[in-house]
Amino acid sequence: MKNVIFGILIVFFALLSCRGGEDDIQKIDQIFNLYIKNSAGKDLLNSKLDSTFVSVSMNDVFGTTDNAPVTFSMQKTTDTVNYIEYIAGAKRITLDSVSPENRTYHSKIALALRLSVNKVVTDTINDTLEIEYKYTPTVFEVSKVYYNNELKFTKQPNVPNVVTIIK
């Protein structure tokens, strides 16, 4: 009888020791919101207003083909301000690799914005969006966002990833 109880205790402690700690979980934070406004604060992604962008498209510069669309969604805040929600989709290239447990990746996206004035499409503006990601065993997150090679966002702890472009 003692052997059975001893055996059950050994199995119980073996199973208990195999349990992973919560420190093993990697935090993933790769979503960011992109707002585009003019210098007066007008929402340029609101296609119902005059002199705004009526369509937006994104293409992966590092994609396997020339036409490699990147998925995104157009969203609105409770104040009906439009923004682009980028979750993922563009190919990530290793920018630097200090070690296998500390890397920087980046994606590059060609952004095409079709401008409408008086309900007529007048121009397509081609911009670039570059996203840097930080990878460690504990976190994978957006660390920096560049718009037309200009730094527009640097990650701050516990702050949402919001990028605002003034055109």
N, C-alpha and C. Protein backbone atom coordinates (compact mmCIF):
# COMPACT_ATOMS: atom_id res chain seq x y z
N MET A 1 0.81 -1.18 0.00
CA MET A 1 0.00 0.00 0.00
C MET A 1 0.87 1.26 0.00
N LYS A 2 1.97 1.20 0.77
CA LYS A 2 2.86 2.35 0.81
C LYS A 2 3.48 2.60 -0.56
N ASN A 3 3.77 1.53 -1.30
CA ASN A 3 4.35 1.68 -2.63
C ASN A 3 3.37 2.36 -3.59
N VAL A 4 2.09 2.06 -3.47
CA VAL A 4 1.08 2.67 -4.35
C VAL A 4 0.97 4.17 -4.06
N ILE A 5 0.90 4.54 -2.80
CA ILE A 5 0.82 5.96 -2.42
C ILE A 5 2.10 6.68 -2.85
N PHE A 6 3.25 6.03 -2.62
CA PHE A 6 4.52 6.61 -3.03
C PHE A 6 4.57 6.79 -4.54
N GLY A 7 4.09 5.84 -5.30
CA GLY A 7 4.05 5.91 -6.77
C GLY A 7 3.13 7.03 -7.25
N ILE A 8 1.97 7.18 -6.62
CA ILE A 8 1.04 8.24 -6.99
C ILE A 8 1.66 9.61 -6.71
N LEU A 9 2.34 9.74 -5.57
CA LEU A 9 3.00 11.00 -5.25
C LEU A 9 4.09 11.34 -6.26
N ILE A 10 4.87 10.35 -6.68
CA ILE A 10 5.92 10.58 -7.67
C ILE A 10 5.31 11.05 -8.99
N VAL A 11 4.25 10.40 -9.45
CA VAL A 11 3.57 10.79 -10.69
C VAL A 11 2.99 12.20 -10.55
N PHE A 12 2.38 12.49 -9.42
CA PHE A 12 1.79 13.81 -9.19
C PHE A 12 2.85 14.91 -9.26
N PHE A 13 3.99 14.70 -8.57
CA PHE A 13 5.04 15.71 -8.59
C PHE A 13 5.72 15.80 -9.95
N ALA A 14 5.80 14.70 -10.67
CA ALA A 14 6.37 14.73 -12.02
C ALA A 14 5.49 15.57 -12.94
N LEU A 15 4.19 15.37 -12.86
CA LEU A 15 3.26 16.16 -13.68
C LEU A 15 3.28 17.63 -13.27
N LEU A 16 3.38 17.89 -12.00
CA LEU A 16 3.41 19.26 -11.49
C LEU A 16 4.67 19.99 -11.97
N SER A 17 5.78 19.30 -12.04
CA SER A 17 7.03 19.92 -12.47
C SER A 17 7.06 20.19 -13.97
N CYS A 18 6.25 19.50 -14.75
CA CYS A 18 6.21 19.70 -16.20
C CYS A 18 5.38 20.92 -16.59
N ARG A 19 4.62 21.43 -15.68
CA ARG A 19 3.76 22.57 -15.97
C ARG A 19 4.62 23.78 -16.32
N GLY A 20 4.30 24.44 -17.46
CA GLY A 20 5.06 25.61 -17.89
C GLY A 20 4.69 26.83 -17.08
N GLY A 21 5.66 27.66 -16.86
CA GLY A 21 5.40 28.89 -16.13
C GLY A 21 4.81 29.94 -17.06
N GLU A 22 4.22 30.96 -16.51
CA GLU A 22 3.64 32.02 -17.31
C GLU A 22 4.72 32.90 -17.94
N ASP A 23 5.96 32.76 -17.48
CA ASP A 23 7.05 33.52 -18.08
C ASP A 23 7.40 33.00 -19.47
N ASP A 24 6.91 31.81 -19.83
CA ASP A 24 7.21 31.21 -21.12
C ASP A 24 6.37 31.81 -22.24
N ILE A 25 5.39 32.63 -21.93
CA ILE A 25 4.49 33.16 -22.93
C ILE A 25 5.12 34.40 -23.55
N GLN A 26 5.13 34.43 -24.89
CA GLN A 26 5.66 35.59 -25.61
C GLN A 26 4.52 36.55 -25.92
N LYS A 27 4.70 37.81 -25.58
CA LYS A 27 3.70 38.84 -25.86
C LYS A 27 3.85 39.27 -27.32
N ILE A 28 2.75 39.25 -28.06
CA ILE A 28 2.77 39.66 -29.46
C ILE A 28 1.95 40.94 -29.59
N ASP A 29 2.60 41.97 -30.10
CA ASP A 29 1.99 43.29 -30.24
C ASP A 29 2.38 43.85 -31.61
N GLN A 30 1.70 43.39 -32.66
CA GLN A 30 2.09 43.79 -34.01
C GLN A 30 1.02 44.61 -34.74
N ILE A 31 -0.05 44.97 -34.07
CA ILE A 31 -1.11 45.76 -34.70
C ILE A 31 -0.84 47.24 -34.46
N PHE A 32 -1.03 48.06 -35.50
CA PHE A 32 -0.99 49.50 -35.29
C PHE A 32 -2.05 50.18 -36.13
N ASN A 33 -2.43 51.37 -35.68
CA ASN A 33 -3.45 52.17 -36.36
C ASN A 33 -2.77 53.36 -37.01
N LEU A 34 -3.10 53.59 -38.29
CA LEU A 34 -2.51 54.67 -39.07
C LEU A 34 -3.57 55.72 -39.39
N TYR A 35 -3.38 56.92 -38.86
CA TYR A 35 -4.27 58.06 -39.11
C TYR A 35 -3.57 58.98 -40.10
N ILE A 36 -4.31 59.54 -41.05
CA ILE A 36 -3.75 60.51 -41.99
C ILE A 36 -4.62 61.75 -41.95
N LYS A 37 -3.99 62.88 -41.60
CA LYS A 37 -4.72 64.14 -41.46
C LYS A 37 -3.96 65.24 -42.19
N ASN A 38 -4.63 66.36 -42.41
CA ASN A 38 -3.91 67.52 -42.93
C ASN A 38 -3.47 68.38 -41.75
N SER A 39 -2.80 69.48 -42.03
CA SER A 39 -2.25 70.31 -40.95
C SER A 39 -3.34 70.95 -40.10
N ALA A 40 -4.57 71.06 -40.65
CA ALA A 40 -5.69 71.62 -39.88
C ALA A 40 -6.40 70.55 -39.06
N GLY A 41 -5.97 69.29 -39.17
CA GLY A 41 -6.58 68.21 -38.41
C GLY A 41 -7.70 67.49 -39.14
N LYS A 42 -7.94 67.83 -40.40
CA LYS A 42 -8.99 67.18 -41.19
C LYS A 42 -8.63 65.73 -41.47
N ASP A 43 -9.58 64.84 -41.29
CA ASP A 43 -9.41 63.41 -41.53
C ASP A 43 -9.33 63.16 -43.04
N LEU A 44 -8.15 62.86 -43.55
CA LEU A 44 -7.98 62.65 -44.99
C LEU A 44 -8.40 61.26 -45.45
N LEU A 45 -8.76 60.38 -44.52
CA LEU A 45 -9.24 59.05 -44.89
C LEU A 45 -10.76 58.97 -44.95
N ASN A 46 -11.43 60.08 -44.70
CA ASN A 46 -12.89 60.12 -44.77
C ASN A 46 -13.29 60.45 -46.20
N SER A 47 -13.64 59.44 -46.98
CA SER A 47 -13.95 59.62 -48.39
C SER A 47 -15.22 60.42 -48.64
N LYS A 48 -16.01 60.68 -47.61
CA LYS A 48 -17.23 61.49 -47.77
C LYS A 48 -16.93 62.98 -47.82
N LEU A 49 -15.74 63.37 -47.38
CA LEU A 49 -15.36 64.78 -47.40
C LEU A 49 -14.64 65.10 -48.72
N ASP A 50 -14.66 66.37 -49.11
CA ASP A 50 -13.97 66.79 -50.32
C ASP A 50 -12.47 66.88 -50.07
N SER A 51 -11.70 66.67 -51.10
CA SER A 51 -10.23 66.72 -51.07
C SER A 51 -9.65 65.73 -50.06
N THR A 52 -10.14 64.50 -50.12
CA THR A 52 -9.64 63.42 -49.26
C THR A 52 -9.31 62.21 -50.12
N PHE A 53 -8.77 61.20 -49.49
CA PHE A 53 -8.42 59.98 -50.21
C PHE A 53 -9.65 59.07 -50.31
N VAL A 54 -10.00 58.70 -51.54
CA VAL A 54 -11.19 57.86 -51.73
C VAL A 54 -10.85 56.38 -51.72
N SER A 55 -9.59 56.05 -51.92
CA SER A 55 -9.19 54.64 -51.82
C SER A 55 -7.74 54.54 -51.38
N VAL A 56 -7.47 53.44 -50.73
CA VAL A 56 -6.13 53.15 -50.21
C VAL A 56 -5.79 51.73 -50.62
N SER A 57 -4.58 51.52 -51.09
CA SER A 57 -4.12 50.15 -51.34
C SER A 57 -2.70 50.02 -50.82
N MET A 58 -2.38 48.80 -50.41
CA MET A 58 -1.05 48.51 -49.86
C MET A 58 -0.46 47.33 -50.63
N ASN A 59 0.82 47.44 -50.97
CA ASN A 59 1.51 46.38 -51.68
C ASN A 59 2.83 46.08 -50.98
N ASP A 60 3.11 44.80 -50.78
CA ASP A 60 4.32 44.35 -50.09
C ASP A 60 5.53 44.51 -51.01
N VAL A 61 6.46 45.38 -50.65
CA VAL A 61 7.66 45.61 -51.46
C VAL A 61 8.54 44.37 -51.48
N PHE A 62 8.59 43.62 -50.37
CA PHE A 62 9.41 42.41 -50.29
C PHE A 62 8.64 41.15 -50.71
N GLY A 63 7.46 41.32 -51.26
CA GLY A 63 6.62 40.18 -51.64
C GLY A 63 7.28 39.33 -52.71
N THR A 64 6.77 38.13 -52.87
CA THR A 64 7.35 37.19 -53.83
C THR A 64 7.01 37.55 -55.28
N THR A 65 6.00 38.39 -55.49
CA THR A 65 5.65 38.88 -56.82
C THR A 65 5.56 40.40 -56.77
N ASP A 66 5.52 41.01 -57.95
CA ASP A 66 5.40 42.47 -58.01
C ASP A 66 4.08 42.95 -57.43
N ASN A 67 3.04 42.16 -57.61
CA ASN A 67 1.73 42.51 -57.06
C ASN A 67 1.46 41.61 -55.87
N ALA A 68 1.78 42.10 -54.69
CA ALA A 68 1.60 41.33 -53.46
C ALA A 68 0.80 42.19 -52.47
N PRO A 69 -0.53 42.21 -52.66
CA PRO A 69 -1.35 43.06 -51.78
C PRO A 69 -1.22 42.69 -50.31
N VAL A 70 -1.28 43.71 -49.48
CA VAL A 70 -1.24 43.55 -48.03
C VAL A 70 -2.63 43.84 -47.50
N THR A 71 -3.13 42.95 -46.65
CA THR A 71 -4.46 43.16 -46.10
C THR A 71 -4.42 44.17 -44.95
N PHE A 72 -5.45 44.96 -44.89
CA PHE A 72 -5.64 45.94 -43.83
C PHE A 72 -7.14 46.18 -43.75
N SER A 73 -7.56 46.89 -42.75
CA SER A 73 -8.99 47.23 -42.68
C SER A 73 -9.15 48.70 -42.34
N MET A 74 -10.15 49.29 -42.95
CA MET A 74 -10.50 50.68 -42.63
C MET A 74 -11.42 50.64 -41.43
N GLN A 75 -11.12 51.42 -40.42
CA GLN A 75 -11.89 51.46 -39.19
C GLN A 75 -12.28 52.89 -38.87
N LYS A 76 -13.21 53.04 -37.93
CA LYS A 76 -13.60 54.36 -37.44
C LYS A 76 -13.59 54.36 -35.92
N THR A 77 -13.17 55.47 -35.36
CA THR A 77 -13.25 55.62 -33.91
C THR A 77 -14.69 55.97 -33.55
N THR A 78 -14.97 56.05 -32.28
CA THR A 78 -16.31 56.43 -31.85
C THR A 78 -16.64 57.86 -32.28
N ASP A 79 -15.62 58.67 -32.54
CA ASP A 79 -15.82 60.04 -33.03
C ASP A 79 -15.87 60.08 -34.55
N THR A 80 -16.01 58.93 -35.19
CA THR A 80 -16.06 58.75 -36.66
C THR A 80 -14.81 59.25 -37.38
N VAL A 81 -13.66 59.17 -36.73
CA VAL A 81 -12.39 59.45 -37.38
C VAL A 81 -11.91 58.15 -38.02
N ASN A 82 -11.59 58.20 -39.30
CA ASN A 82 -11.16 57.01 -40.04
C ASN A 82 -9.67 56.73 -39.83
N TYR A 83 -9.34 55.46 -39.81
CA TYR A 83 -7.94 55.07 -39.72
C TYR A 83 -7.76 53.71 -40.38
N ILE A 84 -6.51 53.41 -40.70
CA ILE A 84 -6.15 52.12 -41.28
C ILE A 84 -5.64 51.25 -40.15
N GLU A 85 -6.23 50.07 -39.99
CA GLU A 85 -5.76 49.12 -38.99
C GLU A 85 -4.91 48.08 -39.72
N TYR A 86 -3.63 48.06 -39.41
CA TYR A 86 -2.72 47.08 -40.00
C TYR A 86 -2.41 46.02 -38.96
N ILE A 87 -2.72 44.79 -39.30
CA ILE A 87 -2.48 43.69 -38.36
C ILE A 87 -1.19 42.96 -38.71
N ALA A 88 -1.09 42.49 -39.92
CA ALA A 88 0.09 41.78 -40.41
C ALA A 88 -0.15 41.45 -41.86
N GLY A 89 0.82 40.89 -42.51
CA GLY A 89 0.62 40.46 -43.88
C GLY A 89 1.81 40.71 -44.77
N ALA A 90 2.59 41.73 -44.49
CA ALA A 90 3.77 42.00 -45.29
C ALA A 90 4.91 41.09 -44.83
N LYS A 91 5.70 40.68 -45.78
CA LYS A 91 6.84 39.81 -45.48
C LYS A 91 7.85 40.54 -44.60
N ARG A 92 8.36 39.84 -43.61
CA ARG A 92 9.35 40.41 -42.69
C ARG A 92 10.75 39.90 -43.05
N ILE A 93 11.67 40.82 -43.16
CA ILE A 93 13.06 40.51 -43.48
C ILE A 93 13.90 40.82 -42.25
N THR A 94 14.89 39.99 -41.96
CA THR A 94 15.77 40.25 -40.82
C THR A 94 16.62 41.47 -41.12
N LEU A 95 16.53 42.46 -40.27
CA LEU A 95 17.32 43.68 -40.42
C LEU A 95 18.66 43.52 -39.71
N ASP A 96 18.63 43.00 -38.51
CA ASP A 96 19.85 42.65 -37.80
C ASP A 96 19.56 41.49 -36.87
N SER A 97 20.61 40.79 -36.56
CA SER A 97 20.46 39.61 -35.72
C SER A 97 21.60 39.59 -34.72
N VAL A 98 21.37 40.24 -33.59
CA VAL A 98 22.38 40.25 -32.53
C VAL A 98 22.59 38.83 -32.03
N SER A 99 21.48 38.13 -31.85
CA SER A 99 21.52 36.73 -31.43
C SER A 99 20.20 36.11 -31.86
N PRO A 100 20.09 34.80 -31.80
CA PRO A 100 18.81 34.18 -32.16
C PRO A 100 17.67 34.61 -31.25
N GLU A 101 17.99 35.16 -30.09
CA GLU A 101 16.95 35.56 -29.14
C GLU A 101 16.76 37.08 -29.09
N ASN A 102 17.41 37.81 -29.98
CA ASN A 102 17.24 39.26 -30.02
C ASN A 102 17.44 39.72 -31.46
N ARG A 103 16.34 39.93 -32.16
CA ARG A 103 16.41 40.28 -33.58
C ARG A 103 15.53 41.48 -33.90
N THR A 104 15.86 42.11 -35.02
CA THR A 104 15.03 43.16 -35.56
C THR A 104 14.62 42.75 -36.96
N TYR A 105 13.32 42.78 -37.21
CA TYR A 105 12.78 42.48 -38.53
C TYR A 105 12.16 43.76 -39.09
N HIS A 106 12.02 43.80 -40.42
CA HIS A 106 11.30 44.94 -40.98
C HIS A 106 10.51 44.52 -42.21
N SER A 107 9.45 45.26 -42.44
CA SER A 107 8.59 45.10 -43.62
C SER A 107 8.53 46.43 -44.31
N LYS A 108 8.34 46.40 -45.62
CA LYS A 108 8.21 47.64 -46.39
C LYS A 108 6.98 47.53 -47.27
N ILE A 109 6.14 48.56 -47.20
CA ILE A 109 4.87 48.55 -47.90
C ILE A 109 4.77 49.78 -48.78
N ALA A 110 4.36 49.57 -50.04
CA ALA A 110 4.05 50.69 -50.93
C ALA A 110 2.59 51.04 -50.71
N LEU A 111 2.34 52.28 -50.39
CA LEU A 111 1.00 52.75 -50.07
C LEU A 111 0.54 53.66 -51.20
N ALA A 112 -0.60 53.33 -51.82
CA ALA A 112 -1.16 54.16 -52.89
C ALA A 112 -2.44 54.79 -52.39
N LEU A 113 -2.48 56.12 -52.39
CA LEU A 113 -3.62 56.88 -51.90
C LEU A 113 -4.22 57.65 -53.08
N ARG A 114 -5.48 57.38 -53.40
CA ARG A 114 -6.14 58.07 -54.52
C ARG A 114 -6.90 59.28 -53.98
N LEU A 115 -6.49 60.45 -54.45
CA LEU A 115 -7.04 61.72 -53.98
C LEU A 115 -8.22 62.14 -54.85
N SER A 116 -9.28 62.60 -54.20
CA SER A 116 -10.47 63.07 -54.90
C SER A 116 -10.74 64.52 -54.53
N VAL A 117 -10.94 65.34 -55.57
CA VAL A 117 -11.33 66.73 -55.38
C VAL A 117 -12.62 66.95 -56.15
N ASN A 118 -13.64 67.43 -55.49
CA ASN A 118 -14.96 67.63 -56.10
C ASN A 118 -15.49 66.34 -56.74
N LYS A 119 -15.33 65.24 -56.03
CA LYS A 119 -15.82 63.92 -56.43
C LYS A 119 -15.13 63.35 -57.68
N VAL A 120 -14.00 63.94 -58.07
CA VAL A 120 -13.23 63.46 -59.22
C VAL A 120 -11.85 63.06 -58.73
N VAL A 121 -11.42 61.85 -59.08
CA VAL A 121 -10.08 61.40 -58.69
C VAL A 121 -9.06 62.19 -59.50
N THR A 122 -8.22 62.92 -58.80
CA THR A 122 -7.28 63.80 -59.48
C THR A 122 -5.84 63.28 -59.47
N ASP A 123 -5.52 62.44 -58.50
CA ASP A 123 -4.12 62.05 -58.37
C ASP A 123 -4.01 60.78 -57.53
N THR A 124 -2.95 60.03 -57.74
CA THR A 124 -2.60 58.92 -56.88
C THR A 124 -1.26 59.24 -56.24
N ILE A 125 -1.24 59.27 -54.93
CA ILE A 125 -0.02 59.57 -54.18
C ILE A 125 0.60 58.25 -53.75
N ASN A 126 1.85 58.05 -54.10
CA ASN A 126 2.57 56.82 -53.75
C ASN A 126 3.55 57.12 -52.63
N ASP A 127 3.33 56.50 -51.50
CA ASP A 127 4.17 56.67 -50.32
C ASP A 127 4.71 55.31 -49.89
N THR A 128 5.65 55.32 -48.95
CA THR A 128 6.17 54.07 -48.40
C THR A 128 5.99 54.05 -46.88
N LEU A 129 5.76 52.88 -46.41
CA LEU A 129 5.57 52.62 -44.98
C LEU A 129 6.53 51.50 -44.61
N GLU A 130 7.42 51.75 -43.66
CA GLU A 130 8.35 50.72 -43.22
C GLU A 130 8.12 50.46 -41.74
N ILE A 131 8.01 49.20 -41.40
CA ILE A 131 7.71 48.79 -40.04
C ILE A 131 8.87 47.96 -39.52
N GLU A 132 9.38 48.33 -38.35
CA GLU A 132 10.42 47.54 -37.68
C GLU A 132 9.78 46.80 -36.51
N TYR A 133 10.17 45.55 -36.36
CA TYR A 133 9.66 44.71 -35.28
C TYR A 133 10.82 44.29 -34.39
N LYS A 134 10.57 44.24 -33.11
CA LYS A 134 11.56 43.75 -32.13
C LYS A 134 11.14 42.34 -31.73
N TYR A 135 12.09 41.43 -31.77
CA TYR A 135 11.82 40.04 -31.38
C TYR A 135 12.77 39.64 -30.26
N THR A 136 12.21 39.20 -29.16
CA THR A 136 12.96 38.58 -28.06
C THR A 136 12.12 37.38 -27.61
N PRO A 137 12.65 36.54 -26.74
CA PRO A 137 11.83 35.42 -26.26
C PRO A 137 10.56 35.86 -25.53
N THR A 138 10.54 37.07 -25.02
CA THR A 138 9.37 37.51 -24.25
C THR A 138 8.44 38.42 -25.03
N VAL A 139 8.90 39.00 -26.16
CA VAL A 139 8.06 39.94 -26.88
C VAL A 139 8.35 39.93 -28.38
N PHE A 140 7.29 40.08 -29.16
CA PHE A 140 7.39 40.37 -30.58
C PHE A 140 6.47 41.56 -30.80
N GLU A 141 7.06 42.72 -31.13
CA GLU A 141 6.25 43.92 -31.20
C GLU A 141 6.73 44.88 -32.27
N VAL A 142 5.82 45.75 -32.70
CA VAL A 142 6.19 46.86 -33.56
C VAL A 142 7.07 47.78 -32.73
N SER A 143 8.25 48.11 -33.23
CA SER A 143 9.13 48.99 -32.46
C SER A 143 9.24 50.37 -33.08
N LYS A 144 9.21 50.46 -34.42
CA LYS A 144 9.30 51.75 -35.10
C LYS A 144 8.50 51.69 -36.39
N VAL A 145 7.97 52.84 -36.78
CA VAL A 145 7.28 52.96 -38.06
C VAL A 145 7.82 54.20 -38.76
N TYR A 146 8.24 54.01 -40.01
CA TYR A 146 8.72 55.11 -40.84
C TYR A 146 7.71 55.34 -41.96
N TYR A 147 7.45 56.61 -42.25
CA TYR A 147 6.58 56.97 -43.36
C TYR A 147 7.40 57.84 -44.30
N ASN A 148 7.59 57.37 -45.53
CA ASN A 148 8.47 58.05 -46.50
C ASN A 148 9.85 58.32 -45.89
N ASN A 149 10.39 57.30 -45.27
CA ASN A 149 11.73 57.31 -44.66
C ASN A 149 11.87 58.25 -43.46
N GLU A 150 10.77 58.74 -42.94
CA GLU A 150 10.80 59.62 -41.78
C GLU A 150 10.18 58.89 -40.59
N LEU A 151 10.91 58.85 -39.48
CA LEU A 151 10.43 58.16 -38.29
C LEU A 151 9.17 58.85 -37.77
N LYS A 152 8.08 58.07 -37.66
CA LYS A 152 6.81 58.62 -37.20
C LYS A 152 6.31 57.98 -35.92
N PHE A 153 6.91 56.86 -35.52
CA PHE A 153 6.44 56.16 -34.33
C PHE A 153 7.57 55.38 -33.72
N THR A 154 7.70 55.46 -32.40
CA THR A 154 8.61 54.62 -31.63
C THR A 154 7.81 54.03 -30.48
N LYS A 155 7.91 52.75 -30.30
CA LYS A 155 7.12 52.03 -29.29
C LYS A 155 7.43 52.54 -27.88
N GLN A 156 6.35 52.79 -27.14
CA GLN A 156 6.43 53.14 -25.73
C GLN A 156 5.71 52.04 -24.95
N PRO A 157 6.22 51.61 -23.81
CA PRO A 157 5.58 50.53 -23.06
C PRO A 157 4.14 50.89 -22.66
N ASN A 158 3.26 49.91 -22.80
CA ASN A 158 1.87 50.01 -22.39
C ASN A 158 1.09 51.15 -23.05
N VAL A 159 1.48 51.54 -24.24
CA VAL A 159 0.80 52.59 -25.00
C VAL A 159 0.37 51.98 -26.33
N PRO A 160 -0.87 52.26 -26.80
CA PRO A 160 -1.30 51.70 -28.08
C PRO A 160 -0.40 52.17 -29.24
N ASN A 161 -0.32 51.36 -30.26
CA ASN A 161 0.49 51.65 -31.44
C ASN A 161 -0.33 52.52 -32.39
N VAL A 162 -0.17 53.82 -32.27
CA VAL A 162 -0.91 54.78 -33.09
C VAL A 162 0.08 55.64 -33.85
N VAL A 163 -0.07 55.65 -35.18
CA VAL A 163 0.80 56.43 -36.05
C VAL A 163 -0.07 57.49 -36.71
N THR A 164 0.31 58.76 -36.59
CA THR A 164 -0.44 59.84 -37.21
C THR A 164 0.45 60.54 -38.23
N ILE A 165 -0.04 60.63 -39.46
CA ILE A 165 0.67 61.27 -40.55
C ILE A 165 -0.02 62.59 -40.84
N ILE A 166 0.75 63.66 -40.95
CA ILE A 166 0.23 64.97 -41.33
C ILE A 166 0.68 65.23 -42.76
N LYS A 167 -0.27 65.42 -43.65
CA LYS A 167 0.04 65.67 -45.08
C LYS A 167 -0.35 67.08 -45.44
